PDB file of all heavy atoms in Angstrom:
ATOM      1  N   THR A   1      -8.689  -1.376   0.600  1.00  0.00           N
ATOM      2  CA  THR A   1      -8.810  -2.059  -0.687  1.00  0.00           C
ATOM      3  C   THR A   1      -9.646  -3.320  -0.576  1.00  0.00           C
ATOM      4  O   THR A   1     -10.539  -3.574  -1.389  1.00  0.00           O
ATOM      5  CB  THR A   1      -7.413  -2.428  -1.228  1.00  0.00           C
ATOM      6  OG1 THR A   1      -6.636  -1.243  -1.381  1.00  0.00           O
ATOM      7  CG2 THR A   1      -7.521  -3.139  -2.573  1.00  0.00           C
ATOM      8  N   LEU A   2      -9.378  -4.102   0.463  1.00  0.00           N
ATOM      9  CA  LEU A   2     -10.051  -5.389   0.640  1.00  0.00           C
ATOM     10  C   LEU A   2     -11.552  -5.221   0.835  1.00  0.00           C
ATOM     11  O   LEU A   2     -12.362  -5.942   0.244  1.00  0.00           O
ATOM     12  CB  LEU A   2      -9.437  -6.124   1.836  1.00  0.00           C
ATOM     13  CG  LEU A   2      -9.902  -7.554   2.105  1.00  0.00           C
ATOM     14  CD1 LEU A   2      -9.494  -8.479   0.974  1.00  0.00           C
ATOM     15  CD2 LEU A   2      -9.321  -8.052   3.434  1.00  0.00           C
ATOM     16  N   LEU A   3     -11.943  -4.235   1.652  1.00  0.00           N
ATOM     17  CA  LEU A   3     -13.348  -4.054   1.974  1.00  0.00           C
ATOM     18  C   LEU A   3     -14.072  -3.128   0.992  1.00  0.00           C
ATOM     19  O   LEU A   3     -15.264  -3.307   0.736  1.00  0.00           O
ATOM     20  CB  LEU A   3     -13.497  -3.493   3.392  1.00  0.00           C
ATOM     21  CG  LEU A   3     -13.012  -4.383   4.535  1.00  0.00           C
ATOM     22  CD1 LEU A   3     -13.189  -3.673   5.872  1.00  0.00           C
ATOM     23  CD2 LEU A   3     -13.751  -5.710   4.551  1.00  0.00           C
ATOM     24  N   GLY A   4     -13.338  -2.150   0.458  1.00  0.00           N
ATOM     25  CA  GLY A   4     -14.002  -1.130  -0.343  1.00  0.00           C
ATOM     26  C   GLY A   4     -13.984  -1.325  -1.843  1.00  0.00           C
ATOM     27  O   GLY A   4     -14.921  -0.910  -2.533  1.00  0.00           O
ATOM     28  N   SER A   5     -12.939  -1.980  -2.371  1.00  0.00           N
ATOM     29  CA  SER A   5     -12.806  -2.072  -3.821  1.00  0.00           C
ATOM     30  C   SER A   5     -13.917  -2.868  -4.507  1.00  0.00           C
ATOM     31  O   SER A   5     -14.248  -2.556  -5.659  1.00  0.00           O
ATOM     32  CB  SER A   5     -11.435  -2.644  -4.197  1.00  0.00           C
ATOM     33  OG  SER A   5     -11.261  -3.940  -3.668  1.00  0.00           O
ATOM     34  N   PRO A   6     -14.521  -3.903  -3.864  1.00  0.00           N
ATOM     35  CA  PRO A   6     -15.624  -4.576  -4.560  1.00  0.00           C
ATOM     36  C   PRO A   6     -16.788  -3.636  -4.876  1.00  0.00           C
ATOM     37  O   PRO A   6     -17.445  -3.777  -5.907  1.00  0.00           O
ATOM     38  CB  PRO A   6     -16.053  -5.658  -3.553  1.00  0.00           C
ATOM     39  CG  PRO A   6     -14.824  -5.963  -2.784  1.00  0.00           C
ATOM     40  CD  PRO A   6     -14.151  -4.625  -2.625  1.00  0.00           C
ATOM     41  N   ALA A   7     -17.042  -2.667  -4.005  1.00  0.00           N
ATOM     42  CA  ALA A   7     -18.132  -1.716  -4.242  1.00  0.00           C
ATOM     43  C   ALA A   7     -17.649  -0.485  -4.996  1.00  0.00           C
ATOM     44  O   ALA A   7     -18.368   0.053  -5.849  1.00  0.00           O
ATOM     45  CB  ALA A   7     -18.747  -1.299  -2.908  1.00  0.00           C
ATOM     46  N   ILE A   8     -16.418  -0.042  -4.678  1.00  0.00           N
ATOM     47  CA  ILE A   8     -15.852   1.148  -5.333  1.00  0.00           C
ATOM     48  C   ILE A   8     -14.490   0.755  -5.911  1.00  0.00           C
ATOM     49  O   ILE A   8     -13.464   0.813  -5.211  1.00  0.00           O
ATOM     50  CB  ILE A   8     -15.693   2.321  -4.343  1.00  0.00           C
ATOM     51  CG1 ILE A   8     -17.011   2.591  -3.609  1.00  0.00           C
ATOM     52  CG2 ILE A   8     -15.212   3.573  -5.065  1.00  0.00           C
ATOM     53  CD1 ILE A   8     -16.905   3.642  -2.521  1.00  0.00           C
ATOM     54  N   PRO A   9     -14.438   0.308  -7.159  1.00  0.00           N
ATOM     55  CA  PRO A   9     -13.185  -0.186  -7.742  1.00  0.00           C
ATOM     56  C   PRO A   9     -12.024   0.791  -7.649  1.00  0.00           C
ATOM     57  O   PRO A   9     -10.865   0.376  -7.570  1.00  0.00           O
ATOM     58  CB  PRO A   9     -13.575  -0.447  -9.205  1.00  0.00           C
ATOM     59  CG  PRO A   9     -15.050  -0.714  -9.156  1.00  0.00           C
ATOM     60  CD  PRO A   9     -15.568   0.191  -8.077  1.00  0.00           C
ATOM     61  N   LEU A  10     -12.314   2.086  -7.622  1.00  0.00           N
ATOM     62  CA  LEU A  10     -11.252   3.086  -7.560  1.00  0.00           C
ATOM     63  C   LEU A  10     -10.418   2.948  -6.290  1.00  0.00           C
ATOM     64  O   LEU A  10      -9.241   3.330  -6.257  1.00  0.00           O
ATOM     65  CB  LEU A  10     -11.852   4.492  -7.642  1.00  0.00           C
ATOM     66  CG  LEU A  10     -10.857   5.656  -7.825  1.00  0.00           C
ATOM     67  CD1 LEU A  10     -10.101   5.499  -9.136  1.00  0.00           C
ATOM     68  CD2 LEU A  10     -11.598   6.993  -7.781  1.00  0.00           C
ATOM     69  N   LEU A  11     -11.005   2.377  -5.233  1.00  0.00           N
ATOM     70  CA  LEU A  11     -10.265   2.192  -3.983  1.00  0.00           C
ATOM     71  C   LEU A  11      -9.141   1.175  -4.130  1.00  0.00           C
ATOM     72  O   LEU A  11      -8.281   1.071  -3.263  1.00  0.00           O
ATOM     73  CB  LEU A  11     -11.220   1.753  -2.867  1.00  0.00           C
ATOM     74  CG  LEU A  11     -12.218   2.811  -2.382  1.00  0.00           C
ATOM     75  CD1 LEU A  11     -13.144   2.232  -1.321  1.00  0.00           C
ATOM     76  CD2 LEU A  11     -11.471   4.026  -1.826  1.00  0.00           C
ATOM     77  N   GLY A  12      -9.149   0.431  -5.225  1.00  0.00           N
ATOM     78  CA  GLY A  12      -8.031  -0.465  -5.496  1.00  0.00           C
ATOM     79  C   GLY A  12      -6.715   0.280  -5.633  1.00  0.00           C
ATOM     80  O   GLY A  12      -5.640  -0.299  -5.460  1.00  0.00           O
ATOM     81  N   MET A  13      -6.789   1.591  -5.894  1.00  0.00           N
ATOM     82  CA  MET A  13      -5.575   2.398  -6.000  1.00  0.00           C
ATOM     83  C   MET A  13      -4.872   2.557  -4.653  1.00  0.00           C
ATOM     84  O   MET A  13      -3.714   2.994  -4.604  1.00  0.00           O
ATOM     85  CB  MET A  13      -5.917   3.778  -6.574  1.00  0.00           C
ATOM     86  CG  MET A  13      -6.372   3.745  -8.021  1.00  0.00           C
ATOM     87  SD  MET A  13      -6.632   5.396  -8.711  1.00  0.00           S
ATOM     88  CE  MET A  13      -4.960   6.037  -8.671  1.00  0.00           C
ATOM     89  N   MET A  14      -5.550   2.181  -3.566  1.00  0.00           N
ATOM     90  CA  MET A  14      -4.904   2.244  -2.256  1.00  0.00           C
ATOM     91  C   MET A  14      -3.765   1.238  -2.142  1.00  0.00           C
ATOM     92  O   MET A  14      -2.957   1.300  -1.205  1.00  0.00           O
ATOM     93  CB  MET A  14      -5.926   1.997  -1.151  1.00  0.00           C
ATOM     94  CG  MET A  14      -6.989   3.062  -1.031  1.00  0.00           C
ATOM     95  SD  MET A  14      -6.303   4.713  -0.714  1.00  0.00           S
ATOM     96  CE  MET A  14      -5.655   4.514   0.937  1.00  0.00           C
ATOM     97  N   MET A  15      -3.674   0.323  -3.094  1.00  0.00           N
ATOM     98  CA  MET A  15      -2.545  -0.601  -3.113  1.00  0.00           C
ATOM     99  C   MET A  15      -1.239   0.122  -3.448  1.00  0.00           C
ATOM    100  O   MET A  15      -0.158  -0.375  -3.156  1.00  0.00           O
ATOM    101  CB  MET A  15      -2.791  -1.715  -4.124  1.00  0.00           C
ATOM    102  CG  MET A  15      -3.937  -2.654  -3.743  1.00  0.00           C
ATOM    103  SD  MET A  15      -3.654  -3.525  -2.193  1.00  0.00           S
ATOM    104  CE  MET A  15      -2.484  -4.770  -2.749  1.00  0.00           C
ATOM    105  N   ILE A  16      -1.347   1.306  -4.054  1.00  0.00           N
ATOM    106  CA  ILE A  16      -0.137   2.075  -4.357  1.00  0.00           C
ATOM    107  C   ILE A  16       0.525   2.580  -3.073  1.00  0.00           C
ATOM    108  O   ILE A  16       1.725   2.341  -2.867  1.00  0.00           O
ATOM    109  CB  ILE A  16      -0.460   3.238  -5.323  1.00  0.00           C
ATOM    110  CG1 ILE A  16      -0.875   2.674  -6.685  1.00  0.00           C
ATOM    111  CG2 ILE A  16       0.749   4.178  -5.467  1.00  0.00           C
ATOM    112  CD1 ILE A  16      -1.297   3.744  -7.681  1.00  0.00           C
ATOM    113  N   PRO A  17      -0.196   3.273  -2.167  1.00  0.00           N
ATOM    114  CA  PRO A  17       0.452   3.644  -0.901  1.00  0.00           C
ATOM    115  C   PRO A  17       0.854   2.430  -0.072  1.00  0.00           C
ATOM    116  O   PRO A  17       1.823   2.505   0.689  1.00  0.00           O
ATOM    117  CB  PRO A  17      -0.602   4.498  -0.187  1.00  0.00           C
ATOM    118  CG  PRO A  17      -1.886   4.211  -0.875  1.00  0.00           C
ATOM    119  CD  PRO A  17      -1.545   3.872  -2.282  1.00  0.00           C
ATOM    120  N   LYS A  18       0.142   1.310  -0.201  1.00  0.00           N
ATOM    121  CA  LYS A  18       0.543   0.089   0.500  1.00  0.00           C
ATOM    122  C   LYS A  18       1.925  -0.359   0.021  1.00  0.00           C
ATOM    123  O   LYS A  18       2.792  -0.696   0.826  1.00  0.00           O
ATOM    124  CB  LYS A  18      -0.472  -1.024   0.265  1.00  0.00           C
ATOM    125  CG  LYS A  18      -0.031  -2.395   0.782  1.00  0.00           C
ATOM    126  CD  LYS A  18      -1.056  -3.447   0.427  1.00  0.00           C
ATOM    127  CE  LYS A  18      -0.575  -4.838   0.837  1.00  0.00           C
ATOM    128  NZ  LYS A  18       0.566  -5.295   0.030  1.00  0.00           N
ATOM    129  N   THR A  19       2.122  -0.336  -1.291  1.00  0.00           N
ATOM    130  CA  THR A  19       3.423  -0.728  -1.854  1.00  0.00           C
ATOM    131  C   THR A  19       4.516   0.221  -1.403  1.00  0.00           C
ATOM    132  O   THR A  19       5.622  -0.205  -1.041  1.00  0.00           O
ATOM    133  CB  THR A  19       3.330  -0.750  -3.392  1.00  0.00           C
ATOM    134  OG1 THR A  19       2.309  -1.661  -3.796  1.00  0.00           O
ATOM    135  CG2 THR A  19       4.661  -1.180  -4.008  1.00  0.00           C
ATOM    136  N   ILE A  20       4.222   1.512  -1.414  1.00  0.00           N
ATOM    137  CA  ILE A  20       5.201   2.510  -0.968  1.00  0.00           C
ATOM    138  C   ILE A  20       5.538   2.306   0.505  1.00  0.00           C
ATOM    139  O   ILE A  20       6.698   2.460   0.928  1.00  0.00           O
ATOM    140  CB  ILE A  20       4.666   3.930  -1.232  1.00  0.00           C
ATOM    141  CG1 ILE A  20       4.529   4.172  -2.741  1.00  0.00           C
ATOM    142  CG2 ILE A  20       5.579   4.979  -0.602  1.00  0.00           C
ATOM    143  CD1 ILE A  20       3.857   5.485  -3.093  1.00  0.00           C
ATOM    144  N   ALA A  21       4.534   1.937   1.297  1.00  0.00           N
ATOM    145  CA  ALA A  21       4.766   1.699   2.726  1.00  0.00           C
ATOM    146  C   ALA A  21       5.767   0.571   2.931  1.00  0.00           C
ATOM    147  O   ALA A  21       6.653   0.663   3.792  1.00  0.00           O
ATOM    148  CB  ALA A  21       3.443   1.371   3.428  1.00  0.00           C
ATOM    149  N   TYR A  22       5.649  -0.497   2.157  1.00  0.00           N
ATOM    150  CA  TYR A  22       6.604  -1.601   2.279  1.00  0.00           C
ATOM    151  C   TYR A  22       8.002  -1.177   1.853  1.00  0.00           C
ATOM    152  O   TYR A  22       9.000  -1.631   2.420  1.00  0.00           O
ATOM    153  CB  TYR A  22       6.134  -2.803   1.466  1.00  0.00           C
ATOM    154  CG  TYR A  22       5.143  -3.666   2.203  1.00  0.00           C
ATOM    155  CD1 TYR A  22       3.829  -3.791   1.762  1.00  0.00           C
ATOM    156  CD2 TYR A  22       5.507  -4.346   3.364  1.00  0.00           C
ATOM    157  CE1 TYR A  22       2.911  -4.559   2.454  1.00  0.00           C
ATOM    158  CE2 TYR A  22       4.598  -5.121   4.057  1.00  0.00           C
ATOM    159  CZ  TYR A  22       3.299  -5.222   3.605  1.00  0.00           C
ATOM    160  OH  TYR A  22       2.395  -5.988   4.300  1.00  0.00           O
ATOM    161  N   LEU A  23       8.081  -0.305   0.857  1.00  0.00           N
ATOM    162  CA  LEU A  23       9.396   0.213   0.467  1.00  0.00           C
ATOM    163  C   LEU A  23      10.024   1.005   1.606  1.00  0.00           C
ATOM    164  O   LEU A  23      11.243   0.939   1.829  1.00  0.00           O
ATOM    165  CB  LEU A  23       9.279   1.095  -0.781  1.00  0.00           C
ATOM    166  CG  LEU A  23       9.141   0.385  -2.129  1.00  0.00           C
ATOM    167  CD1 LEU A  23       8.989   1.407  -3.247  1.00  0.00           C
ATOM    168  CD2 LEU A  23      10.345  -0.524  -2.399  1.00  0.00           C
ATOM    169  N   LEU A  24       9.214   1.760   2.340  1.00  0.00           N
ATOM    170  CA  LEU A  24       9.740   2.540   3.457  1.00  0.00           C
ATOM    171  C   LEU A  24      10.145   1.637   4.625  1.00  0.00           C
ATOM    172  O   LEU A  24      11.137   1.907   5.310  1.00  0.00           O
ATOM    173  CB  LEU A  24       8.706   3.571   3.907  1.00  0.00           C
ATOM    174  CG  LEU A  24       8.519   4.732   2.928  1.00  0.00           C
ATOM    175  CD1 LEU A  24       7.284   5.543   3.268  1.00  0.00           C
ATOM    176  CD2 LEU A  24       9.759   5.623   2.931  1.00  0.00           C
ATOM    177  N   VAL A  25       9.401   0.560   4.855  1.00  0.00           N
ATOM    178  CA  VAL A  25       9.821  -0.422   5.855  1.00  0.00           C
ATOM    179  C   VAL A  25      11.183  -0.972   5.472  1.00  0.00           C
ATOM    180  O   VAL A  25      12.100  -1.071   6.301  1.00  0.00           O
ATOM    181  CB  VAL A  25       8.799  -1.573   5.950  1.00  0.00           C
ATOM    182  CG1 VAL A  25       9.333  -2.690   6.851  1.00  0.00           C
ATOM    183  CG2 VAL A  25       7.474  -1.070   6.508  1.00  0.00           C
ATOM    184  N   PHE A  26      11.338  -1.315   4.214  1.00  0.00           N
ATOM    185  CA  PHE A  26      12.606  -1.837   3.707  1.00  0.00           C
ATOM    186  C   PHE A  26      13.718  -0.804   3.881  1.00  0.00           C
ATOM    187  O   PHE A  26      14.841  -1.130   4.283  1.00  0.00           O
ATOM    188  CB  PHE A  26      12.436  -2.218   2.244  1.00  0.00           C
ATOM    189  CG  PHE A  26      13.611  -2.949   1.656  1.00  0.00           C
ATOM    190  CD1 PHE A  26      14.471  -3.698   2.446  1.00  0.00           C
ATOM    191  CD2 PHE A  26      13.857  -2.907   0.296  1.00  0.00           C
ATOM    192  CE1 PHE A  26      15.553  -4.382   1.908  1.00  0.00           C
ATOM    193  CE2 PHE A  26      14.927  -3.587  -0.255  1.00  0.00           C
ATOM    194  CZ  PHE A  26      15.772  -4.316   0.548  1.00  0.00           C
ATOM    195  N   TYR A  27      13.406   0.450   3.587  1.00  0.00           N
ATOM    196  CA  TYR A  27      14.404   1.517   3.681  1.00  0.00           C
ATOM    197  C   TYR A  27      14.950   1.647   5.098  1.00  0.00           C
ATOM    198  O   TYR A  27      16.168   1.702   5.309  1.00  0.00           O
ATOM    199  CB  TYR A  27      13.770   2.841   3.239  1.00  0.00           C
ATOM    200  CG  TYR A  27      14.601   4.059   3.587  1.00  0.00           C
ATOM    201  CD1 TYR A  27      15.741   4.387   2.846  1.00  0.00           C
ATOM    202  CD2 TYR A  27      14.259   4.881   4.665  1.00  0.00           C
ATOM    203  CE1 TYR A  27      16.502   5.494   3.163  1.00  0.00           C
ATOM    204  CE2 TYR A  27      15.016   5.989   4.985  1.00  0.00           C
ATOM    205  CZ  TYR A  27      16.127   6.293   4.232  1.00  0.00           C
ATOM    206  OH  TYR A  27      16.897   7.384   4.561  1.00  0.00           O
ATOM    207  N   TYR A  28      14.050   1.682   6.091  1.00  0.00           N
ATOM    208  CA  TYR A  28      14.506   1.862   7.468  1.00  0.00           C
ATOM    209  C   TYR A  28      15.265   0.650   7.977  1.00  0.00           C
ATOM    210  O   TYR A  28      16.282   0.796   8.675  1.00  0.00           O
ATOM    211  CB  TYR A  28      13.323   2.187   8.378  1.00  0.00           C
ATOM    212  CG  TYR A  28      12.813   3.594   8.183  1.00  0.00           C
ATOM    213  CD1 TYR A  28      11.524   3.830   7.724  1.00  0.00           C
ATOM    214  CD2 TYR A  28      13.636   4.684   8.445  1.00  0.00           C
ATOM    215  CE1 TYR A  28      11.072   5.125   7.525  1.00  0.00           C
ATOM    216  CE2 TYR A  28      13.193   5.975   8.251  1.00  0.00           C
ATOM    217  CZ  TYR A  28      11.899   6.192   7.793  1.00  0.00           C
ATOM    218  OH  TYR A  28      11.456   7.475   7.588  1.00  0.00           O
ATOM    219  N   MET A  29      14.803  -0.535   7.647  1.00  0.00           N
ATOM    220  CA  MET A  29      15.502  -1.730   8.103  1.00  0.00           C
ATOM    221  C   MET A  29      16.862  -1.862   7.425  1.00  0.00           C
ATOM    222  O   MET A  29      17.835  -2.295   8.037  1.00  0.00           O
ATOM    223  CB  MET A  29      14.644  -2.974   7.831  1.00  0.00           C
ATOM    224  CG  MET A  29      13.305  -2.954   8.537  1.00  0.00           C
ATOM    225  SD  MET A  29      13.430  -2.729  10.327  1.00  0.00           S
ATOM    226  CE  MET A  29      13.400  -4.416  10.890  1.00  0.00           C
ATOM    227  N   LYS A  30      16.928  -1.469   6.174  1.00  0.00           N
ATOM    228  CA  LYS A  30      18.209  -1.516   5.459  1.00  0.00           C
ATOM    229  C   LYS A  30      19.170  -0.472   6.026  1.00  0.00           C
ATOM    230  O   LYS A  30      20.328  -0.774   6.332  1.00  0.00           O
ATOM    231  CB  LYS A  30      17.983  -1.248   3.974  1.00  0.00           C
ATOM    232  CG  LYS A  30      19.285  -1.031   3.201  1.00  0.00           C
ATOM    233  CD  LYS A  30      19.019  -0.456   1.826  1.00  0.00           C
ATOM    234  CE  LYS A  30      20.339  -0.016   1.182  1.00  0.00           C
ATOM    235  NZ  LYS A  30      20.137   0.602  -0.136  1.00  0.00           N
ATOM    236  N   LYS A  31      18.680   0.728   6.199  1.00  0.00           N
ATOM    237  CA  LYS A  31      19.539   1.833   6.610  1.00  0.00           C
ATOM    238  C   LYS A  31      20.144   1.619   7.989  1.00  0.00           C
ATOM    239  O   LYS A  31      21.325   1.894   8.205  1.00  0.00           O
ATOM    240  CB  LYS A  31      18.725   3.141   6.598  1.00  0.00           C
ATOM    241  CG  LYS A  31      19.535   4.369   6.993  1.00  0.00           C
ATOM    242  CD  LYS A  31      18.678   5.613   6.911  1.00  0.00           C
ATOM    243  CE  LYS A  31      19.475   6.850   7.327  1.00  0.00           C
ATOM    244  NZ  LYS A  31      18.643   8.088   7.281  1.00  0.00           N
ATOM    245  N   PHE A  32      19.355   1.115   8.908  1.00  0.00           N
ATOM    246  CA  PHE A  32      19.808   1.031  10.292  1.00  0.00           C
ATOM    247  C   PHE A  32      20.312  -0.341  10.716  1.00  0.00           C
ATOM    248  O   PHE A  32      20.946  -0.468  11.751  1.00  0.00           O
ATOM    249  CB  PHE A  32      18.677   1.457  11.243  1.00  0.00           C
ATOM    250  CG  PHE A  32      18.340   2.916  11.130  1.00  0.00           C
ATOM    251  CD1 PHE A  32      17.200   3.326  10.473  1.00  0.00           C
ATOM    252  CD2 PHE A  32      19.172   3.887  11.662  1.00  0.00           C
ATOM    253  CE1 PHE A  32      16.884   4.671  10.356  1.00  0.00           C
ATOM    254  CE2 PHE A  32      18.868   5.228  11.562  1.00  0.00           C
ATOM    255  CZ  PHE A  32      17.725   5.622  10.904  1.00  0.00           C
TER     256      PHE A  32
END
């Protein structure tokens, strides 16, 4: 997103899997 979105705005959508990744980090740390 940081490198590609200025040239290809659609790459800003990569922030969605980034957000999901943080949720999964939270899930594992919470669960265990």
